[in-house]
Amino acid sequence: MPEWGVMLSEGRDILRTAWWAGLFPGLAMTATVIAFTVVGRKLQLLLEGRTS
Protein backbone atom coordinates (compact mmCIF):
# COMPACT_ATOMS: atom_id res chain seq x y z
CA MET A 1 0.00 0.00 0.00
CA PRO A 2 1.52 3.38 -0.98
CA GLU A 3 2.21 5.84 1.79
CA TRP A 4 3.06 9.51 1.39
CA GLY A 5 5.93 9.33 3.87
CA VAL A 6 7.61 6.48 2.00
CA MET A 7 7.05 8.20 -1.33
CA LEU A 8 8.57 11.41 0.04
CA SER A 9 11.55 9.53 1.48
CA GLU A 10 12.22 7.73 -1.80
CA GLY A 11 11.84 10.95 -3.74
CA ARG A 12 14.48 12.63 -1.56
CA ASP A 13 17.13 10.24 -2.86
CA ILE A 14 16.49 11.08 -6.53
CA LEU A 15 15.61 14.75 -6.12
CA ARG A 16 18.17 16.07 -8.61
CA THR A 17 17.02 13.91 -11.50
CA ALA A 18 13.30 13.45 -10.77
CA TRP A 19 12.08 16.38 -8.64
CA TRP A 20 8.42 15.44 -9.10
CA ALA A 21 8.92 12.19 -7.15
CA GLY A 22 9.12 14.20 -3.93
CA LEU A 23 7.11 17.25 -4.89
CA PHE A 24 3.67 15.72 -5.36
CA PRO A 25 3.57 13.64 -2.15
CA GLY A 26 4.80 16.71 -0.27
CA LEU A 27 2.07 18.86 -1.80
CA ALA A 28 -0.55 16.25 -0.96
CA MET A 29 0.58 16.15 2.67
CA THR A 30 0.62 19.95 2.88
CA ALA A 31 -2.86 20.27 1.36
CA THR A 32 -4.22 17.64 3.77
CA VAL A 33 -2.79 19.39 6.82
CA ILE A 34 -4.15 22.76 5.67
CA ALA A 35 -7.59 21.27 5.01
CA PHE A 36 -7.76 19.67 8.46
CA THR A 37 -6.64 22.94 10.04
CA VAL A 38 -9.31 24.95 8.25
CA VAL A 39 -12.05 22.45 9.10
CA GLY A 40 -10.89 22.30 12.71
CA ARG A 41 -10.98 26.08 13.09
CA LYS A 42 -14.43 26.29 11.55
CA LEU A 43 -15.70 23.58 13.89
CA GLN A 44 -14.15 25.36 16.86
CA LEU A 45 -15.91 28.60 15.94
CA LEU A 46 -19.18 26.75 15.39
CA LEU A 47 -19.01 24.92 18.71
CA GLU A 48 -18.10 28.09 20.60
CA GLY A 49 -21.18 29.78 19.18
CA ARG A 50 -19.35 32.42 17.16
CA THR A 51 -19.97 33.09 13.50
CA SER A 52 -17.58 34.58 11.00
PDB file of N, CA and C in Angstrom:
ATOM      1  N   MET A   1       0.843  -1.173   0.000  1.00  0.00           N
ATOM      2  CA  MET A   1       0.000   0.000   0.000  1.00  0.00           C
ATOM      3  C   MET A   1       0.899   1.252   0.000  1.00  0.00           C
ATOM      4  N   PRO A   2       0.686   2.174  -0.922  1.00  0.00           N
ATOM      5  CA  PRO A   2       1.515   3.379  -0.983  1.00  0.00           C
ATOM      6  C   PRO A   2       1.252   4.294   0.218  1.00  0.00           C
ATOM      7  N   GLU A   3       2.310   4.879   0.707  1.00  0.00           N
ATOM      8  CA  GLU A   3       2.209   5.843   1.794  1.00  0.00           C
ATOM      9  C   GLU A   3       2.969   7.097   1.389  1.00  0.00           C
ATOM     10  N   TRP A   4       2.426   8.253   1.770  1.00  0.00           N
ATOM     11  CA  TRP A   4       3.056   9.513   1.393  1.00  0.00           C
ATOM     12  C   TRP A   4       4.437   9.670   2.001  1.00  0.00           C
ATOM     13  N   GLY A   5       4.625   9.218   3.229  1.00  0.00           N
ATOM     14  CA  GLY A   5       5.929   9.330   3.871  1.00  0.00           C
ATOM     15  C   GLY A   5       6.997   8.530   3.151  1.00  0.00           C
ATOM     16  N   VAL A   6       6.651   7.319   2.732  1.00  0.00           N
ATOM     17  CA  VAL A   6       7.606   6.481   1.996  1.00  0.00           C
ATOM     18  C   VAL A   6       7.883   7.093   0.633  1.00  0.00           C
ATOM     19  N   MET A   7       6.861   7.584  -0.022  1.00  0.00           N
ATOM     20  CA  MET A   7       7.047   8.201  -1.332  1.00  0.00           C
ATOM     21  C   MET A   7       7.943   9.436  -1.227  1.00  0.00           C
ATOM     22  N   LEU A   8       7.757  10.214  -0.171  1.00  0.00           N
ATOM     23  CA  LEU A   8       8.566  11.405   0.039  1.00  0.00           C
ATOM     24  C   LEU A   8      10.016  11.023   0.339  1.00  0.00           C
ATOM     25  N   SER A   9      10.206   9.997   1.135  1.00  0.00           N
ATOM     26  CA  SER A   9      11.552   9.527   1.478  1.00  0.00           C
ATOM     27  C   SER A   9      12.284   9.002   0.244  1.00  0.00           C
ATOM     28  N   GLU A  10      11.598   8.239  -0.575  1.00  0.00           N
ATOM     29  CA  GLU A  10      12.221   7.728  -1.795  1.00  0.00           C
ATOM     30  C   GLU A  10      12.498   8.850  -2.786  1.00  0.00           C
ATOM     31  N   GLY A  11      11.643   9.827  -2.833  1.00  0.00           N
ATOM     32  CA  GLY A  11      11.845  10.948  -3.737  1.00  0.00           C
ATOM     33  C   GLY A  11      13.022  11.820  -3.340  1.00  0.00           C
ATOM     34  N   ARG A  12      13.346  11.833  -2.041  1.00  0.00           N
ATOM     35  CA  ARG A  12      14.476  12.625  -1.564  1.00  0.00           C
ATOM     36  C   ARG A  12      15.785  12.123  -2.156  1.00  0.00           C
ATOM     37  N   ASP A  13      15.892  10.828  -2.345  1.00  0.00           N
ATOM     38  CA  ASP A  13      17.134  10.244  -2.863  1.00  0.00           C
ATOM     39  C   ASP A  13      17.375  10.587  -4.332  1.00  0.00           C
ATOM     40  N   ILE A  14      16.334  10.814  -5.090  1.00  0.00           N
ATOM     41  CA  ILE A  14      16.487  11.082  -6.526  1.00  0.00           C
ATOM     42  C   ILE A  14      16.029  12.485  -6.891  1.00  0.00           C
ATOM     43  N   LEU A  15      16.148  13.411  -5.951  1.00  0.00           N
ATOM     44  CA  LEU A  15      15.612  14.754  -6.125  1.00  0.00           C
ATOM     45  C   LEU A  15      16.230  15.504  -7.296  1.00  0.00           C
ATOM     46  N   ARG A  16      17.514  15.320  -7.528  1.00  0.00           N
ATOM     47  CA  ARG A  16      18.173  16.073  -8.608  1.00  0.00           C
ATOM     48  C   ARG A  16      17.726  15.634 -10.003  1.00  0.00           C
ATOM     49  N   THR A  17      17.387  14.386 -10.164  1.00  0.00           N
ATOM     50  CA  THR A  17      17.018  13.911 -11.499  1.00  0.00           C
ATOM     51  C   THR A  17      15.515  13.823 -11.707  1.00  0.00           C
ATOM     52  N   ALA A  18      14.757  13.584 -10.643  1.00  0.00           N
ATOM     53  CA  ALA A  18      13.304  13.451 -10.766  1.00  0.00           C
ATOM     54  C   ALA A  18      12.641  14.212  -9.611  1.00  0.00           C
ATOM     55  N   TRP A  19      12.583  15.533  -9.722  1.00  0.00           N
ATOM     56  CA  TRP A  19      12.082  16.382  -8.644  1.00  0.00           C
ATOM     57  C   TRP A  19      10.619  16.126  -8.322  1.00  0.00           C
ATOM     58  N   TRP A  20       9.852  15.665  -9.306  1.00  0.00           N
ATOM     59  CA  TRP A  20       8.421  15.444  -9.095  1.00  0.00           C
ATOM     60  C   TRP A  20       8.139  14.251  -8.180  1.00  0.00           C
ATOM     61  N   ALA A  21       9.117  13.363  -8.012  1.00  0.00           N
ATOM     62  CA  ALA A  21       8.921  12.192  -7.151  1.00  0.00           C
ATOM     63  C   ALA A  21       8.746  12.588  -5.684  1.00  0.00           C
ATOM     64  N   GLY A  22       9.296  13.713  -5.287  1.00  0.00           N
ATOM     65  CA  GLY A  22       9.119  14.201  -3.928  1.00  0.00           C
ATOM     66  C   GLY A  22       8.156  15.356  -3.821  1.00  0.00           C
ATOM     67  N   LEU A  23       7.954  16.060  -4.919  1.00  0.00           N
ATOM     68  CA  LEU A  23       7.106  17.250  -4.887  1.00  0.00           C
ATOM     69  C   LEU A  23       5.635  16.914  -4.674  1.00  0.00           C
ATOM     70  N   PHE A  24       5.105  15.988  -5.422  1.00  0.00           N
ATOM     71  CA  PHE A  24       3.668  15.719  -5.360  1.00  0.00           C
ATOM     72  C   PHE A  24       3.215  15.076  -4.048  1.00  0.00           C
ATOM     73  N   PRO A  25       3.965  14.122  -3.479  1.00  0.00           N
ATOM     74  CA  PRO A  25       3.567  13.641  -2.151  1.00  0.00           C
ATOM     75  C   PRO A  25       3.665  14.738  -1.090  1.00  0.00           C
ATOM     76  N   GLY A  26       4.663  15.597  -1.214  1.00  0.00           N
ATOM     77  CA  GLY A  26       4.796  16.713  -0.274  1.00  0.00           C
ATOM     78  C   GLY A  26       3.643  17.691  -0.385  1.00  0.00           C
ATOM     79  N   LEU A  27       3.216  17.979  -1.598  1.00  0.00           N
ATOM     80  CA  LEU A  27       2.074  18.862  -1.800  1.00  0.00           C
ATOM     81  C   LEU A  27       0.783  18.233  -1.280  1.00  0.00           C
ATOM     82  N   ALA A  28       0.635  16.943  -1.467  1.00  0.00           N
ATOM     83  CA  ALA A  28      -0.552  16.254  -0.963  1.00  0.00           C
ATOM     84  C   ALA A  28      -0.606  16.297   0.560  1.00  0.00           C
ATOM     85  N   MET A  29       0.539  16.086   1.203  1.00  0.00           N
ATOM     86  CA  MET A  29       0.583  16.153   2.667  1.00  0.00           C
ATOM     87  C   MET A  29       0.282  17.562   3.152  1.00  0.00           C
ATOM     88  N   THR A  30       0.844  18.560   2.495  1.00  0.00           N
ATOM     89  CA  THR A  30       0.617  19.949   2.882  1.00  0.00           C
ATOM     90  C   THR A  30      -0.846  20.331   2.716  1.00  0.00           C
ATOM     91  N   ALA A  31      -1.448  19.952   1.605  1.00  0.00           N
ATOM     92  CA  ALA A  31      -2.856  20.268   1.364  1.00  0.00           C
ATOM     93  C   ALA A  31      -3.766  19.584   2.390  1.00  0.00           C
ATOM     94  N   THR A  32      -3.426  18.360   2.774  1.00  0.00           N
ATOM     95  CA  THR A  32      -4.221  17.638   3.768  1.00  0.00           C
ATOM     96  C   THR A  32      -4.146  18.317   5.126  1.00  0.00           C
ATOM     97  N   VAL A  33      -2.950  18.719   5.531  1.00  0.00           N
ATOM     98  CA  VAL A  33      -2.790  19.394   6.820  1.00  0.00           C
ATOM     99  C   VAL A  33      -3.538  20.729   6.828  1.00  0.00           C
ATOM    100  N   ILE A  34      -3.441  21.483   5.756  1.00  0.00           N
ATOM    101  CA  ILE A  34      -4.145  22.763   5.673  1.00  0.00           C
ATOM    102  C   ILE A  34      -5.655  22.544   5.715  1.00  0.00           C
ATOM    103  N   ALA A  35      -6.147  21.546   5.019  1.00  0.00           N
ATOM    104  CA  ALA A  35      -7.588  21.266   5.006  1.00  0.00           C
ATOM    105  C   ALA A  35      -8.085  20.897   6.402  1.00  0.00           C
ATOM    106  N   PHE A  36      -7.350  20.036   7.101  1.00  0.00           N
ATOM    107  CA  PHE A  36      -7.756  19.667   8.461  1.00  0.00           C
ATOM    108  C   PHE A  36      -7.709  20.874   9.398  1.00  0.00           C
ATOM    109  N   THR A  37      -6.740  21.752   9.220  1.00  0.00           N
ATOM    110  CA  THR A  37      -6.641  22.942  10.045  1.00  0.00           C
ATOM    111  C   THR A  37      -7.823  23.866   9.818  1.00  0.00           C
ATOM    112  N   VAL A  38      -8.177  24.079   8.568  1.00  0.00           N
ATOM    113  CA  VAL A  38      -9.308  24.955   8.251  1.00  0.00           C
ATOM    114  C   VAL A  38     -10.613  24.375   8.791  1.00  0.00           C
ATOM    115  N   VAL A  39     -10.825  23.092   8.591  1.00  0.00           N
ATOM    116  CA  VAL A  39     -12.047  22.454   9.097  1.00  0.00           C
ATOM    117  C   VAL A  39     -12.078  22.502  10.621  1.00  0.00           C
ATOM    118  N   GLY A  40     -10.950  22.257  11.261  1.00  0.00           N
ATOM    119  CA  GLY A  40     -10.886  22.301  12.715  1.00  0.00           C
ATOM    120  C   GLY A  40     -11.196  23.675  13.268  1.00  0.00           C
ATOM    121  N   ARG A  41     -10.696  24.709  12.631  1.00  0.00           N
ATOM    122  CA  ARG A  41     -10.979  26.075  13.092  1.00  0.00           C
ATOM    123  C   ARG A  41     -12.443  26.438  12.902  1.00  0.00           C
ATOM    124  N   LYS A  42     -13.006  26.021  11.783  1.00  0.00           N
ATOM    125  CA  LYS A  42     -14.431  26.290  11.549  1.00  0.00           C
ATOM    126  C   LYS A  42     -15.299  25.566  12.574  1.00  0.00           C
ATOM    127  N   LEU A  43     -14.957  24.324  12.880  1.00  0.00           N
ATOM    128  CA  LEU A  43     -15.700  23.576  13.892  1.00  0.00           C
ATOM    129  C   LEU A  43     -15.554  24.220  15.270  1.00  0.00           C
ATOM    130  N   GLN A  44     -14.367  24.695  15.576  1.00  0.00           N
ATOM    131  CA  GLN A  44     -14.151  25.358  16.855  1.00  0.00           C
ATOM    132  C   GLN A  44     -15.026  26.604  16.970  1.00  0.00           C
ATOM    133  N   LEU A  45     -15.067  27.404  15.920  1.00  0.00           N
ATOM    134  CA  LEU A  45     -15.907  28.597  15.941  1.00  0.00           C
ATOM    135  C   LEU A  45     -17.387  28.230  16.054  1.00  0.00           C
ATOM    136  N   LEU A  46     -17.789  27.186  15.356  1.00  0.00           N
ATOM    137  CA  LEU A  46     -19.179  26.754  15.392  1.00  0.00           C
ATOM    138  C   LEU A  46     -19.569  26.257  16.786  1.00  0.00           C
ATOM    139  N   LEU A  47     -18.700  25.479  17.407  1.00  0.00           N
ATOM    140  CA  LEU A  47     -19.012  24.919  18.708  1.00  0.00           C
ATOM    141  C   LEU A  47     -18.937  25.964  19.830  1.00  0.00           C
ATOM    142  N   GLU A  48     -18.159  27.019  19.615  1.00  0.00           N
ATOM    143  CA  GLU A  48     -18.100  28.088  20.599  1.00  0.00           C
ATOM    144  C   GLU A  48     -19.268  29.057  20.466  1.00  0.00           C
ATOM    145  N   GLY A  49     -20.008  28.945  19.392  1.00  0.00           N
ATOM    146  CA  GLY A  49     -21.178  29.785  19.183  1.00  0.00           C
ATOM    147  C   GLY A  49     -20.898  31.066  18.423  1.00  0.00           C
ATOM    148  N   ARG A  50     -19.673  31.228  17.938  1.00  0.00           N
ATOM    149  CA  ARG A  50     -19.351  32.420  17.161  1.00  0.00           C
ATOM    150  C   ARG A  50     -19.608  32.152  15.681  1.00  0.00           C
ATOM    151  N   THR A  51     -19.846  33.206  14.957  1.00  0.00           N
ATOM    152  CA  THR A  51     -19.967  33.089  13.499  1.00  0.00           C
ATOM    153  C   THR A  51     -18.987  34.049  12.869  1.00  0.00           C
ATOM    154  N   SER A  52     -18.517  33.692  11.678  1.00  0.00           N
ATOM    155  CA  SER A  52     -17.575  34.577  11.004  1.00  0.00           C
ATOM    156  C   SER A  52     -18.181  35.181   9.764  1.00  0.00           C
TER     157      SER A  52
END
